[in-house]
Amino acid sequence: MHYRVLGRSGIDVSLLSLGTGGASQFGQKTGVDDAGRKRLVHVALDHGINLFDTAELYGRSEELLGMALEGVPRDRYLLATKWPYRRGDEFAEAGALTRSVENSLRLLKTDVIDIMQFHGILPGDYDPVVDRFMPEMKRLRDAGKIRLIGFTEMMTKDPKATIPLKGVTDHPNDWDVIMLKYGILNQWAAKEVLPLAEKHGVGIMNMAPVRQTLTRDDERKALFDQWRRDGSVDVSSLDENDPFGWLVHDDVNSVIDAGYRFAAMHSGISTVITGTANVEHLEANVRSLEAESLNVPDYRRLLELFGNSAAPN
C-alpha cells in the first residue's frame, strides 16, 4: 500500500481508505453479516488500509464499524466520521454536535475521533455552519475528543465543488481535511480547489470517484447527451458505444481500474475512498492503487477531454 501525508497534519494515510456509506452502507443493504464485516475490515488492515470513514447518517455503520474493529490496536487505524448539521429544514440546536460526538465515540468504541466532519454542506449553508458550529468543533478538539476538523461537500448538489472552494479560500487554516469528489468525469476540483488545498496544507479525501456515470451505460449516455447540448465537454471523438475502451490495455484491466488510478494521480489527493462491502471488490481496488499510474498519453487525453467536467454522480 502507498501512503500520503494528510495535508499539514503530518499523518500518513493509506492511498486507499474504506468507507461505510455508498450503496451498500457497510453491507447493511447487501446482506453482509457481522462476521463478513469483520473479515472485510481485517482484509483492509492486512492490505495496509489505515483509514475508515463512516457517518451518523449511514444507518448503524458507526456501531458496526466499532464492532468490526474491536480488538485491533488503536494505533493501526484512523477513524473519520460526520455530523449532519441540519435536522430536516432546520439547523441543529446548540450542543447537538457535542452530543453527537459523544455518541459516535461510544459507538466506535474509542476515546478520540481522528477526523470529525460536517456532513454534506449545502450551497448557501457554509457561512452559517462556520459561524454556528465551528467554535463548538474547536472546543471538542481542544478537549481531545477529536483531532482534525473537516467537512464534506454535497456530492449530487454541488458538482462544481463550490463549497470546497469556499473552504480553502475563506478559511484554509480552519479546515484540516475536506472530502470531495474528483474523478475522470468530474475534474472540476483540479481547477482551483486541489491546488489551493496543496498550498494551504488541507488534506483531501476523494469520495466515490468511480460511480454511475462511469460504469452505467444509461447514466453515461444521459450525461454525454447533456454535454452535447450545453457544449461544456466535447465527447465527439469518443466511440458512442465504448467511450472508454481505449483505457483498457497493458496492465489496466477495466474502466473501473482506470478510474481508481486516475482518482489518485493528482498530488492534491491524500486518499481515495472505496465504499464497497465486498472483499473481492476491495482487493481489486487495492490492486488498482498499488499498481502503476495510467500511462502519460492516456492521462493527458483524459485531462484534455474532461478537464471541464462536473458530473453530478
C-alpha atoms as a PDB file:
ATOM      1  CA  MET A   1       0.000   0.000   0.000  1.00  0.00           C
ATOM      2  CA  HIS A   2       1.188   3.507  -0.815  1.00  0.00           C
ATOM      3  CA  TYR A   3       0.798   6.276   1.772  1.00  0.00           C
ATOM      4  CA  ARG A   4       0.496  10.035   1.562  1.00  0.00           C
ATOM      5  CA  VAL A   5       0.627  12.730   4.200  1.00  0.00           C
ATOM      6  CA  LEU A   6      -2.811  14.047   5.132  1.00  0.00           C
ATOM      7  CA  GLY A   7      -2.282  17.744   4.499  1.00  0.00           C
ATOM      8  CA  ARG A   8      -0.456  19.653   7.215  1.00  0.00           C
ATOM      9  CA  SER A   9      -1.435  17.088   9.874  1.00  0.00           C
ATOM     10  CA  GLY A  10       1.740  15.100   9.248  1.00  0.00           C
ATOM     11  CA  ILE A  11      -0.299  11.878   9.467  1.00  0.00           C
ATOM     12  CA  ASP A  12       0.441   9.149   6.951  1.00  0.00           C
ATOM     13  CA  VAL A  13      -2.770   7.846   5.408  1.00  0.00           C
ATOM     14  CA  SER A  14      -3.211   4.910   3.080  1.00  0.00           C
ATOM     15  CA  LEU A  15      -3.859   5.911  -0.513  1.00  0.00           C
ATOM     16  CA  LEU A  16      -6.973   3.732  -0.433  1.00  0.00           C
ATOM     17  CA  SER A  17      -9.334   4.049   2.506  1.00  0.00           C
ATOM     18  CA  LEU A  18     -12.519   2.156   3.338  1.00  0.00           C
ATOM     19  CA  GLY A  19     -15.869   3.913   3.619  1.00  0.00           C
ATOM     20  CA  THR A  20     -19.001   2.561   5.254  1.00  0.00           C
ATOM     21  CA  GLY A  21     -21.522   4.507   3.193  1.00  0.00           C
ATOM     22  CA  GLY A  22     -22.231   4.209  -0.511  1.00  0.00           C
ATOM     23  CA  ALA A  23     -24.825   1.884  -1.928  1.00  0.00           C
ATOM     24  CA  SER A  24     -24.071  -0.982   0.448  1.00  0.00           C
ATOM     25  CA  GLN A  25     -23.724   1.034   3.689  1.00  0.00           C
ATOM     26  CA  PHE A  26     -21.109  -1.353   5.060  1.00  0.00           C
ATOM     27  CA  GLY A  27     -23.134  -4.342   3.937  1.00  0.00           C
ATOM     28  CA  GLN A  28     -26.337  -3.278   5.691  1.00  0.00           C
ATOM     29  CA  LYS A  29     -28.143  -3.150   2.350  1.00  0.00           C
ATOM     30  CA  THR A  30     -26.415  -6.107   0.710  1.00  0.00           C
ATOM     31  CA  GLY A  31     -26.831  -8.827   3.292  1.00  0.00           C
ATOM     32  CA  VAL A  32     -23.340  -8.827   4.783  1.00  0.00           C
ATOM     33  CA  ASP A  33     -23.377 -10.042   8.395  1.00  0.00           C
ATOM     34  CA  ASP A  34     -21.169  -9.074  11.327  1.00  0.00           C
ATOM     35  CA  ALA A  35     -18.652 -11.812  10.532  1.00  0.00           C
ATOM     36  CA  GLY A  36     -18.470 -10.614   6.933  1.00  0.00           C
ATOM     37  CA  ARG A  37     -17.892  -7.036   8.042  1.00  0.00           C
ATOM     38  CA  LYS A  38     -15.156  -8.111  10.420  1.00  0.00           C
ATOM     39  CA  ARG A  39     -13.498 -10.086   7.639  1.00  0.00           C
ATOM     40  CA  LEU A  40     -13.743  -7.066   5.301  1.00  0.00           C
ATOM     41  CA  VAL A  41     -12.123  -4.776   7.855  1.00  0.00           C
ATOM     42  CA  HIS A  42      -9.325  -7.238   8.595  1.00  0.00           C
ATOM     43  CA  VAL A  43      -8.634  -7.764   4.896  1.00  0.00           C
ATOM     44  CA  ALA A  44      -8.388  -3.984   4.579  1.00  0.00           C
ATOM     45  CA  LEU A  45      -5.982  -3.791   7.511  1.00  0.00           C
ATOM     46  CA  ASP A  46      -3.900  -6.656   6.129  1.00  0.00           C
ATOM     47  CA  HIS A  47      -3.522  -4.709   2.868  1.00  0.00           C
ATOM     48  CA  GLY A  48      -2.305  -1.644   4.766  1.00  0.00           C
ATOM     49  CA  ILE A  49      -5.500   0.413   4.752  1.00  0.00           C
ATOM     50  CA  ASN A  50      -5.420   2.580   7.862  1.00  0.00           C
ATOM     51  CA  LEU A  51      -8.373   4.973   7.425  1.00  0.00           C
ATOM     52  CA  PHE A  52     -12.027   4.047   7.902  1.00  0.00           C
ATOM     53  CA  ASP A  53     -14.726   6.588   7.105  1.00  0.00           C
ATOM     54  CA  THR A  54     -18.260   6.483   8.496  1.00  0.00           C
ATOM     55  CA  ALA A  55     -21.130   8.798   9.463  1.00  0.00           C
ATOM     56  CA  GLU A  56     -24.074   9.173  11.788  1.00  0.00           C
ATOM     57  CA  LEU A  57     -26.389   9.027   8.767  1.00  0.00           C
ATOM     58  CA  TYR A  58     -25.086   5.693   7.444  1.00  0.00           C
ATOM     59  CA  GLY A  59     -27.600   3.568   9.326  1.00  0.00           C
ATOM     60  CA  ARG A  60     -25.787   1.608  12.052  1.00  0.00           C
ATOM     61  CA  SER A  61     -22.412   1.968  10.344  1.00  0.00           C
ATOM     62  CA  GLU A  62     -20.634   3.649  13.264  1.00  0.00           C
ATOM     63  CA  GLU A  63     -21.718   0.917  15.648  1.00  0.00           C
ATOM     64  CA  LEU A  64     -20.954  -1.869  13.182  1.00  0.00           C
ATOM     65  CA  LEU A  65     -17.528  -0.436  12.391  1.00  0.00           C
ATOM     66  CA  GLY A  66     -16.756  -0.210  16.095  1.00  0.00           C
ATOM     67  CA  MET A  67     -17.686  -3.883  16.467  1.00  0.00           C
ATOM     68  CA  ALA A  68     -15.607  -4.912  13.434  1.00  0.00           C
ATOM     69  CA  LEU A  69     -12.533  -3.095  14.768  1.00  0.00           C
ATOM     70  CA  GLU A  70     -12.851  -4.409  18.301  1.00  0.00           C
ATOM     71  CA  GLY A  71      -9.566  -5.898  19.473  1.00  0.00           C
ATOM     72  CA  VAL A  72      -7.472  -4.152  16.803  1.00  0.00           C
ATOM     73  CA  PRO A  73      -4.744  -1.954  18.344  1.00  0.00           C
ATOM     74  CA  ARG A  74      -5.910   1.673  18.067  1.00  0.00           C
ATOM     75  CA  ASP A  75      -2.630   2.831  16.561  1.00  0.00           C
ATOM     76  CA  ARG A  76      -3.277   0.654  13.479  1.00  0.00           C
ATOM     77  CA  TYR A  77      -6.136   2.758  12.156  1.00  0.00           C
ATOM     78  CA  LEU A  78      -7.684   6.209  11.836  1.00  0.00           C
ATOM     79  CA  LEU A  79     -11.385   6.965  12.230  1.00  0.00           C
ATOM     80  CA  ALA A  80     -13.316   9.616  10.320  1.00  0.00           C
ATOM     81  CA  THR A  81     -16.991  10.305  10.892  1.00  0.00           C
ATOM     82  CA  LYS A  82     -19.510  13.004  10.051  1.00  0.00           C
ATOM     83  CA  TRP A  83     -22.191  15.061  11.740  1.00  0.00           C
ATOM     84  CA  PRO A  84     -25.411  16.193   9.969  1.00  0.00           C
ATOM     85  CA  TYR A  85     -25.725  19.850  10.917  1.00  0.00           C
ATOM     86  CA  ARG A  86     -29.359  20.002   9.807  1.00  0.00           C
ATOM     87  CA  ARG A  87     -32.412  18.356  11.310  1.00  0.00           C
ATOM     88  CA  GLY A  88     -34.862  18.407   8.428  1.00  0.00           C
ATOM     89  CA  ASP A  89     -35.158  22.001   7.234  1.00  0.00           C
ATOM     90  CA  GLU A  90     -33.712  23.485  10.405  1.00  0.00           C
ATOM     91  CA  PHE A  91     -30.182  23.855  11.703  1.00  0.00           C
ATOM     92  CA  ALA A  92     -29.313  21.696  14.687  1.00  0.00           C
ATOM     93  CA  GLU A  93     -29.624  23.221  18.127  1.00  0.00           C
ATOM     94  CA  ALA A  94     -26.724  24.322  20.276  1.00  0.00           C
ATOM     95  CA  GLY A  95     -24.939  21.380  21.874  1.00  0.00           C
ATOM     96  CA  ALA A  96     -26.135  18.843  19.309  1.00  0.00           C
ATOM     97  CA  LEU A  97     -22.653  18.495  17.840  1.00  0.00           C
ATOM     98  CA  THR A  98     -21.134  17.657  21.215  1.00  0.00           C
ATOM     99  CA  ARG A  99     -23.827  15.090  21.951  1.00  0.00           C
ATOM    100  CA  SER A 100     -23.295  13.533  18.526  1.00  0.00           C
ATOM    101  CA  VAL A 101     -19.533  13.294  19.037  1.00  0.00           C
ATOM    102  CA  GLU A 102     -20.029  11.652  22.430  1.00  0.00           C
ATOM    103  CA  ASN A 103     -22.414   9.136  20.868  1.00  0.00           C
ATOM    104  CA  SER A 104     -20.020   8.437  17.981  1.00  0.00           C
ATOM    105  CA  LEU A 105     -17.195   7.828  20.443  1.00  0.00           C
ATOM    106  CA  ARG A 106     -19.379   5.307  22.270  1.00  0.00           C
ATOM    107  CA  LEU A 107     -20.497   3.508  19.108  1.00  0.00           C
ATOM    108  CA  LEU A 108     -17.000   3.419  17.633  1.00  0.00           C
ATOM    109  CA  LYS A 109     -15.575   2.170  20.951  1.00  0.00           C
ATOM    110  CA  THR A 110     -12.842   4.782  21.021  1.00  0.00           C
ATOM    111  CA  ASP A 111     -11.796   7.825  23.025  1.00  0.00           C
ATOM    112  CA  VAL A 112     -10.896  10.034  20.063  1.00  0.00           C
ATOM    113  CA  ILE A 113     -12.180  10.632  16.538  1.00  0.00           C
ATOM    114  CA  ASP A 114      -9.284  11.353  14.211  1.00  0.00           C
ATOM    115  CA  ILE A 115     -11.294  13.313  11.625  1.00  0.00           C
ATOM    116  CA  MET A 116     -14.638  14.923  12.523  1.00  0.00           C
ATOM    117  CA  GLN A 117     -16.515  16.346   9.557  1.00  0.00           C
ATOM    118  CA  PHE A 118     -19.592  18.457   8.922  1.00  0.00           C
ATOM    119  CA  HIS A 119     -21.639  16.231   6.634  1.00  0.00           C
ATOM    120  CA  GLY A 120     -22.630  17.460   3.179  1.00  0.00           C
ATOM    121  CA  ILE A 121     -22.558  21.246   3.489  1.00  0.00           C
ATOM    122  CA  LEU A 122     -25.151  22.619   1.090  1.00  0.00           C
ATOM    123  CA  PRO A 123     -24.539  25.644  -1.132  1.00  0.00           C
ATOM    124  CA  GLY A 124     -25.697  28.612   0.912  1.00  0.00           C
ATOM    125  CA  ASP A 125     -25.095  26.899   4.268  1.00  0.00           C
ATOM    126  CA  TYR A 126     -21.340  27.316   4.501  1.00  0.00           C
ATOM    127  CA  ASP A 127     -21.229  30.622   6.407  1.00  0.00           C
ATOM    128  CA  PRO A 128     -23.971  29.672   8.910  1.00  0.00           C
ATOM    129  CA  VAL A 129     -22.264  26.336   9.590  1.00  0.00           C
ATOM    130  CA  VAL A 130     -18.927  28.025  10.281  1.00  0.00           C
ATOM    131  CA  ASP A 131     -20.484  30.767  12.411  1.00  0.00           C
ATOM    132  CA  ARG A 132     -22.739  28.489  14.463  1.00  0.00           C
ATOM    133  CA  PHE A 133     -20.743  25.326  14.888  1.00  0.00           C
ATOM    134  CA  MET A 134     -17.023  25.883  14.318  1.00  0.00           C
ATOM    135  CA  PRO A 135     -16.426  27.247  17.854  1.00  0.00           C
ATOM    136  CA  GLU A 136     -18.030  24.102  19.317  1.00  0.00           C
ATOM    137  CA  MET A 137     -15.987  21.890  16.977  1.00  0.00           C
ATOM    138  CA  LYS A 138     -12.795  23.616  18.104  1.00  0.00           C
ATOM    139  CA  ARG A 139     -13.735  23.131  21.767  1.00  0.00           C
ATOM    140  CA  LEU A 140     -14.134  19.412  21.095  1.00  0.00           C
ATOM    141  CA  ARG A 141     -10.690  19.364  19.521  1.00  0.00           C
ATOM    142  CA  ASP A 142      -9.202  21.263  22.465  1.00  0.00           C
ATOM    143  CA  ALA A 143     -10.840  18.755  24.816  1.00  0.00           C
ATOM    144  CA  GLY A 144      -9.136  15.875  22.987  1.00  0.00           C
ATOM    145  CA  LYS A 145     -12.370  14.349  21.678  1.00  0.00           C
ATOM    146  CA  ILE A 146     -11.358  14.912  18.059  1.00  0.00           C
ATOM    147  CA  ARG A 147      -8.051  15.525  16.310  1.00  0.00           C
ATOM    148  CA  LEU A 148      -8.780  17.066  12.907  1.00  0.00           C
ATOM    149  CA  ILE A 149     -11.677  19.194  11.629  1.00  0.00           C
ATOM    150  CA  GLY A 150     -13.201  18.815   8.187  1.00  0.00           C
ATOM    151  CA  PHE A 151     -16.303  18.851   6.051  1.00  0.00           C
ATOM    152  CA  THR A 152     -17.743  17.076   3.041  1.00  0.00           C
ATOM    153  CA  GLU A 153     -19.407  18.564   0.009  1.00  0.00           C
ATOM    154  CA  MET A 154     -22.910  17.543  -1.008  1.00  0.00           C
ATOM    155  CA  MET A 155     -21.967  15.266  -3.887  1.00  0.00           C
ATOM    156  CA  THR A 156     -25.074  15.453  -6.069  1.00  0.00           C
ATOM    157  CA  LYS A 157     -25.926  19.105  -5.451  1.00  0.00           C
ATOM    158  CA  ASP A 158     -22.504  20.725  -5.778  1.00  0.00           C
ATOM    159  CA  PRO A 159     -20.783  19.111  -8.779  1.00  0.00           C
ATOM    160  CA  LYS A 160     -18.538  22.120  -9.318  1.00  0.00           C
ATOM    161  CA  ALA A 161     -17.152  21.915  -5.772  1.00  0.00           C
ATOM    162  CA  THR A 162     -18.169  25.466  -4.853  1.00  0.00           C
ATOM    163  CA  ILE A 163     -18.277  24.721  -1.127  1.00  0.00           C
ATOM    164  CA  PRO A 164     -14.779  23.133  -1.020  1.00  0.00           C
ATOM    165  CA  LEU A 165     -13.522  26.162  -2.954  1.00  0.00           C
ATOM    166  CA  LYS A 166     -15.078  28.496  -0.399  1.00  0.00           C
ATOM    167  CA  GLY A 167     -13.472  26.478   2.369  1.00  0.00           C
ATOM    168  CA  VAL A 168      -9.921  26.623   1.007  1.00  0.00           C
ATOM    169  CA  THR A 169     -10.377  30.278   0.051  1.00  0.00           C
ATOM    170  CA  ASP A 170     -12.108  31.763   3.099  1.00  0.00           C
ATOM    171  CA  HIS A 171     -10.870  29.594   5.989  1.00  0.00           C
ATOM    172  CA  PRO A 172      -7.929  27.471   4.806  1.00  0.00           C
ATOM    173  CA  ASN A 173      -6.364  27.400   8.270  1.00  0.00           C
ATOM    174  CA  ASP A 174      -9.536  26.155   9.986  1.00  0.00           C
ATOM    175  CA  TRP A 175     -10.012  23.066   7.828  1.00  0.00           C
ATOM    176  CA  ASP A 176      -7.603  20.189   8.222  1.00  0.00           C
ATOM    177  CA  VAL A 177      -9.478  17.916   5.806  1.00  0.00           C
ATOM    178  CA  ILE A 178     -12.068  18.289   3.040  1.00  0.00           C
ATOM    179  CA  MET A 179     -13.911  15.420   1.394  1.00  0.00           C
ATOM    180  CA  LEU A 180     -14.936  15.953  -2.222  1.00  0.00           C
ATOM    181  CA  LYS A 181     -15.432  14.099  -5.462  1.00  0.00           C
ATOM    182  CA  TYR A 182     -12.709  14.024  -8.119  1.00  0.00           C
ATOM    183  CA  GLY A 183     -12.596  11.513 -10.949  1.00  0.00           C
ATOM    184  CA  ILE A 184     -12.454  11.005 -14.688  1.00  0.00           C
ATOM    185  CA  LEU A 185     -15.906  12.524 -15.237  1.00  0.00           C
ATOM    186  CA  ASN A 186     -15.688  15.159 -12.526  1.00  0.00           C
ATOM    187  CA  GLN A 187     -12.393  17.005 -12.718  1.00  0.00           C
ATOM    188  CA  TRP A 188     -13.672  20.401 -11.623  1.00  0.00           C
ATOM    189  CA  ALA A 189     -11.832  20.347  -8.297  1.00  0.00           C
ATOM    190  CA  ALA A 190      -8.485  20.313 -10.123  1.00  0.00           C
ATOM    191  CA  LYS A 191      -9.107  23.817 -11.454  1.00  0.00           C
ATOM    192  CA  GLU A 192      -8.771  25.640  -8.129  1.00  0.00           C
ATOM    193  CA  VAL A 193      -9.634  23.540  -5.094  1.00  0.00           C
ATOM    194  CA  LEU A 194      -6.835  20.971  -5.264  1.00  0.00           C
ATOM    195  CA  PRO A 195      -4.038  23.480  -5.948  1.00  0.00           C
ATOM    196  CA  LEU A 196      -5.247  25.689  -3.077  1.00  0.00           C
ATOM    197  CA  ALA A 197      -5.560  22.686  -0.774  1.00  0.00           C
ATOM    198  CA  GLU A 198      -1.951  21.761  -1.509  1.00  0.00           C
ATOM    199  CA  LYS A 199      -0.830  25.346  -0.953  1.00  0.00           C
ATOM    200  CA  HIS A 200      -2.516  25.570   2.451  1.00  0.00           C
ATOM    201  CA  GLY A 201      -1.899  22.012   3.600  1.00  0.00           C
ATOM    202  CA  VAL A 202      -5.527  20.867   3.583  1.00  0.00           C
ATOM    203  CA  GLY A 203      -5.847  17.100   3.237  1.00  0.00           C
ATOM    204  CA  ILE A 204      -8.266  15.897   0.558  1.00  0.00           C
ATOM    205  CA  MET A 205     -10.320  12.721   0.874  1.00  0.00           C
ATOM    206  CA  ASN A 206     -11.637  11.728  -2.556  1.00  0.00           C
ATOM    207  CA  MET A 207     -15.079  10.135  -2.326  1.00  0.00           C
ATOM    208  CA  ALA A 208     -16.898   7.965  -4.849  1.00  0.00           C
ATOM    209  CA  PRO A 209     -14.508   8.544  -7.783  1.00  0.00           C
ATOM    210  CA  VAL A 210     -15.971   5.609  -9.743  1.00  0.00           C
ATOM    211  CA  ARG A 211     -19.750   5.697  -9.787  1.00  0.00           C
ATOM    212  CA  GLN A 212     -22.829   5.646 -12.012  1.00  0.00           C
ATOM    213  CA  THR A 213     -21.681   7.979 -14.766  1.00  0.00           C
ATOM    214  CA  LEU A 214     -18.538   5.983 -15.429  1.00  0.00           C
ATOM    215  CA  THR A 215     -19.851   2.460 -15.025  1.00  0.00           C
ATOM    216  CA  ARG A 216     -23.503   2.533 -16.121  1.00  0.00           C
ATOM    217  CA  ASP A 217     -24.306   2.979 -19.794  1.00  0.00           C
ATOM    218  CA  ASP A 218     -27.628   4.727 -19.222  1.00  0.00           C
ATOM    219  CA  GLU A 219     -26.161   7.255 -16.783  1.00  0.00           C
ATOM    220  CA  ARG A 220     -23.175   7.889 -19.005  1.00  0.00           C
ATOM    221  CA  LYS A 221     -25.269   8.341 -22.157  1.00  0.00           C
ATOM    222  CA  ALA A 222     -27.553  10.807 -20.370  1.00  0.00           C
ATOM    223  CA  LEU A 223     -24.558  12.808 -19.175  1.00  0.00           C
ATOM    224  CA  PHE A 224     -22.908  12.820 -22.595  1.00  0.00           C
ATOM    225  CA  ASP A 225     -26.190  13.954 -24.196  1.00  0.00           C
ATOM    226  CA  GLN A 226     -26.344  16.814 -21.723  1.00  0.00           C
ATOM    227  CA  TRP A 227     -22.768  17.807 -22.525  1.00  0.00           C
ATOM    228  CA  ARG A 228     -23.530  17.737 -26.250  1.00  0.00           C
ATOM    229  CA  ARG A 229     -26.471  20.058 -25.674  1.00  0.00           C
ATOM    230  CA  ASP A 230     -24.711  22.581 -23.457  1.00  0.00           C
ATOM    231  CA  GLY A 231     -21.298  22.311 -25.159  1.00  0.00           C
ATOM    232  CA  SER A 232     -19.386  22.159 -21.869  1.00  0.00           C
ATOM    233  CA  VAL A 233     -17.485  18.973 -22.766  1.00  0.00           C
ATOM    234  CA  ASP A 234     -16.665  17.741 -26.280  1.00  0.00           C
ATOM    235  CA  VAL A 235     -17.186  13.978 -26.446  1.00  0.00           C
ATOM    236  CA  SER A 236     -17.436  13.762 -30.246  1.00  0.00           C
ATOM    237  CA  SER A 237     -14.115  11.923 -30.586  1.00  0.00           C
ATOM    238  CA  LEU A 238     -15.233   9.014 -28.418  1.00  0.00           C
ATOM    239  CA  ASP A 239     -16.886   5.785 -29.516  1.00  0.00           C
ATOM    240  CA  GLU A 240     -20.521   6.213 -28.503  1.00  0.00           C
ATOM    241  CA  ASN A 241     -20.879   2.557 -27.509  1.00  0.00           C
ATOM    242  CA  ASP A 242     -17.486   2.091 -25.865  1.00  0.00           C
ATOM    243  CA  PRO A 243     -16.138   5.532 -24.961  1.00  0.00           C
ATOM    244  CA  PHE A 244     -13.513   4.312 -22.502  1.00  0.00           C
ATOM    245  CA  GLY A 245     -12.314   1.119 -24.126  1.00  0.00           C
ATOM    246  CA  TRP A 246      -9.069   2.812 -25.134  1.00  0.00           C
ATOM    247  CA  LEU A 247      -8.075   2.971 -21.456  1.00  0.00           C
ATOM    248  CA  VAL A 248      -8.092  -0.809 -21.056  1.00  0.00           C
ATOM    249  CA  HIS A 249      -4.737  -2.132 -22.228  1.00  0.00           C
ATOM    250  CA  ASP A 250      -1.454  -3.424 -20.864  1.00  0.00           C
ATOM    251  CA  ASP A 251      -1.939  -3.825 -17.103  1.00  0.00           C
ATOM    252  CA  VAL A 252      -5.137  -1.717 -16.912  1.00  0.00           C
ATOM    253  CA  ASN A 253      -7.791  -4.420 -16.854  1.00  0.00           C
ATOM    254  CA  SER A 254     -11.032  -2.428 -16.674  1.00  0.00           C
ATOM    255  CA  VAL A 255     -12.559   1.044 -16.787  1.00  0.00           C
ATOM    256  CA  ILE A 256     -13.050   0.805 -13.012  1.00  0.00           C
ATOM    257  CA  ASP A 257      -9.341   0.050 -12.625  1.00  0.00           C
ATOM    258  CA  ALA A 258      -8.528   3.103 -14.752  1.00  0.00           C
ATOM    259  CA  GLY A 259     -10.954   5.201 -12.730  1.00  0.00           C
ATOM    260  CA  TYR A 260      -9.311   4.404  -9.412  1.00  0.00           C
ATOM    261  CA  ARG A 261      -5.844   5.013 -10.791  1.00  0.00           C
ATOM    262  CA  PHE A 262      -6.906   8.379 -12.200  1.00  0.00           C
ATOM    263  CA  ALA A 263      -8.554   9.359  -8.909  1.00  0.00           C
ATOM    264  CA  ALA A 264      -5.219   9.113  -7.094  1.00  0.00           C
ATOM    265  CA  MET A 265      -2.945  10.692  -9.694  1.00  0.00           C
ATOM    266  CA  HIS A 266      -3.405  14.323  -8.660  1.00  0.00           C
ATOM    267  CA  SER A 267      -0.868  15.160  -5.967  1.00  0.00           C
ATOM    268  CA  GLY A 268      -3.516  17.109  -4.048  1.00  0.00           C
ATOM    269  CA  ILE A 269      -5.426  13.913  -3.242  1.00  0.00           C
ATOM    270  CA  SER A 270      -4.475  12.391   0.106  1.00  0.00           C
ATOM    271  CA  THR A 271      -6.647   9.273  -0.040  1.00  0.00           C
ATOM    272  CA  VAL A 272      -9.296   7.691  -2.255  1.00  0.00           C
ATOM    273  CA  ILE A 273     -12.324   6.182  -0.519  1.00  0.00           C
ATOM    274  CA  THR A 274     -13.912   2.949  -1.652  1.00  0.00           C
ATOM    275  CA  GLY A 275     -17.354   2.222  -0.251  1.00  0.00           C
ATOM    276  CA  THR A 276     -17.520  -1.447  -1.105  1.00  0.00           C
ATOM    277  CA  ALA A 277     -18.552  -4.129   1.386  1.00  0.00           C
ATOM    278  CA  ASN A 278     -17.373  -6.882  -0.962  1.00  0.00           C
ATOM    279  CA  VAL A 279     -13.933  -8.354  -0.224  1.00  0.00           C
ATOM    280  CA  GLU A 280     -13.215  -9.153  -3.883  1.00  0.00           C
ATOM    281  CA  HIS A 281     -14.083  -5.612  -4.952  1.00  0.00           C
ATOM    282  CA  LEU A 282     -11.951  -4.211  -2.149  1.00  0.00           C
ATOM    283  CA  GLU A 283      -8.958  -6.270  -3.188  1.00  0.00           C
ATOM    284  CA  ALA A 284      -9.397  -5.229  -6.832  1.00  0.00           C
ATOM    285  CA  ASN A 285      -9.390  -1.575  -5.760  1.00  0.00           C
ATOM    286  CA  VAL A 286      -6.295  -2.186  -3.633  1.00  0.00           C
ATOM    287  CA  ARG A 287      -4.537  -3.646  -6.683  1.00  0.00           C
ATOM    288  CA  SER A 288      -5.502  -0.578  -8.723  1.00  0.00           C
ATOM    289  CA  LEU A 289      -3.861   1.810  -6.279  1.00  0.00           C
ATOM    290  CA  GLU A 290      -0.833  -0.389  -5.720  1.00  0.00           C
ATOM    291  CA  ALA A 291      -0.248  -0.561  -9.485  1.00  0.00           C
ATOM    292  CA  GLU A 292       1.450   1.947 -11.716  1.00  0.00           C
ATOM    293  CA  SER A 293      -0.422   5.110 -12.642  1.00  0.00           C
ATOM    294  CA  LEU A 294      -2.125   5.450 -16.007  1.00  0.00           C
ATOM    295  CA  ASN A 295       0.348   6.000 -18.804  1.00  0.00           C
ATOM    296  CA  VAL A 296       1.066   9.618 -19.641  1.00  0.00           C
ATOM    297  CA  PRO A 297      -0.693   9.770 -23.055  1.00  0.00           C
ATOM    298  CA  ASP A 298      -3.908   8.289 -21.645  1.00  0.00           C
ATOM    299  CA  TYR A 299      -3.799  10.548 -18.613  1.00  0.00           C
ATOM    300  CA  ARG A 300      -3.249  13.642 -20.732  1.00  0.00           C
ATOM    301  CA  ARG A 301      -6.092  12.671 -23.035  1.00  0.00           C
ATOM    302  CA  LEU A 302      -8.448  12.347 -20.056  1.00  0.00           C
ATOM    303  CA  LEU A 303      -7.401  15.795 -18.878  1.00  0.00           C
ATOM    304  CA  GLU A 304      -7.970  17.251 -22.348  1.00  0.00           C
ATOM    305  CA  LEU A 305     -11.333  15.547 -22.800  1.00  0.00           C
ATOM    306  CA  PHE A 306     -12.868  16.063 -19.366  1.00  0.00           C
ATOM    307  CA  GLY A 307     -10.946  18.920 -17.777  1.00  0.00           C
ATOM    308  CA  ASN A 308     -14.170  20.939 -17.678  1.00  0.00           C
ATOM    309  CA  SER A 309     -16.340  18.085 -16.474  1.00  0.00           C
ATOM    310  CA  ALA A 310     -18.591  18.272 -13.418  1.00  0.00           C
ATOM    311  CA  ALA A 311     -20.745  15.156 -13.273  1.00  0.00           C
ATOM    312  CA  PRO A 312     -23.384  15.056 -10.507  1.00  0.00           C
ATOM    313  CA  ASN A 313     -22.991  11.340  -9.682  1.00  0.00           C
END
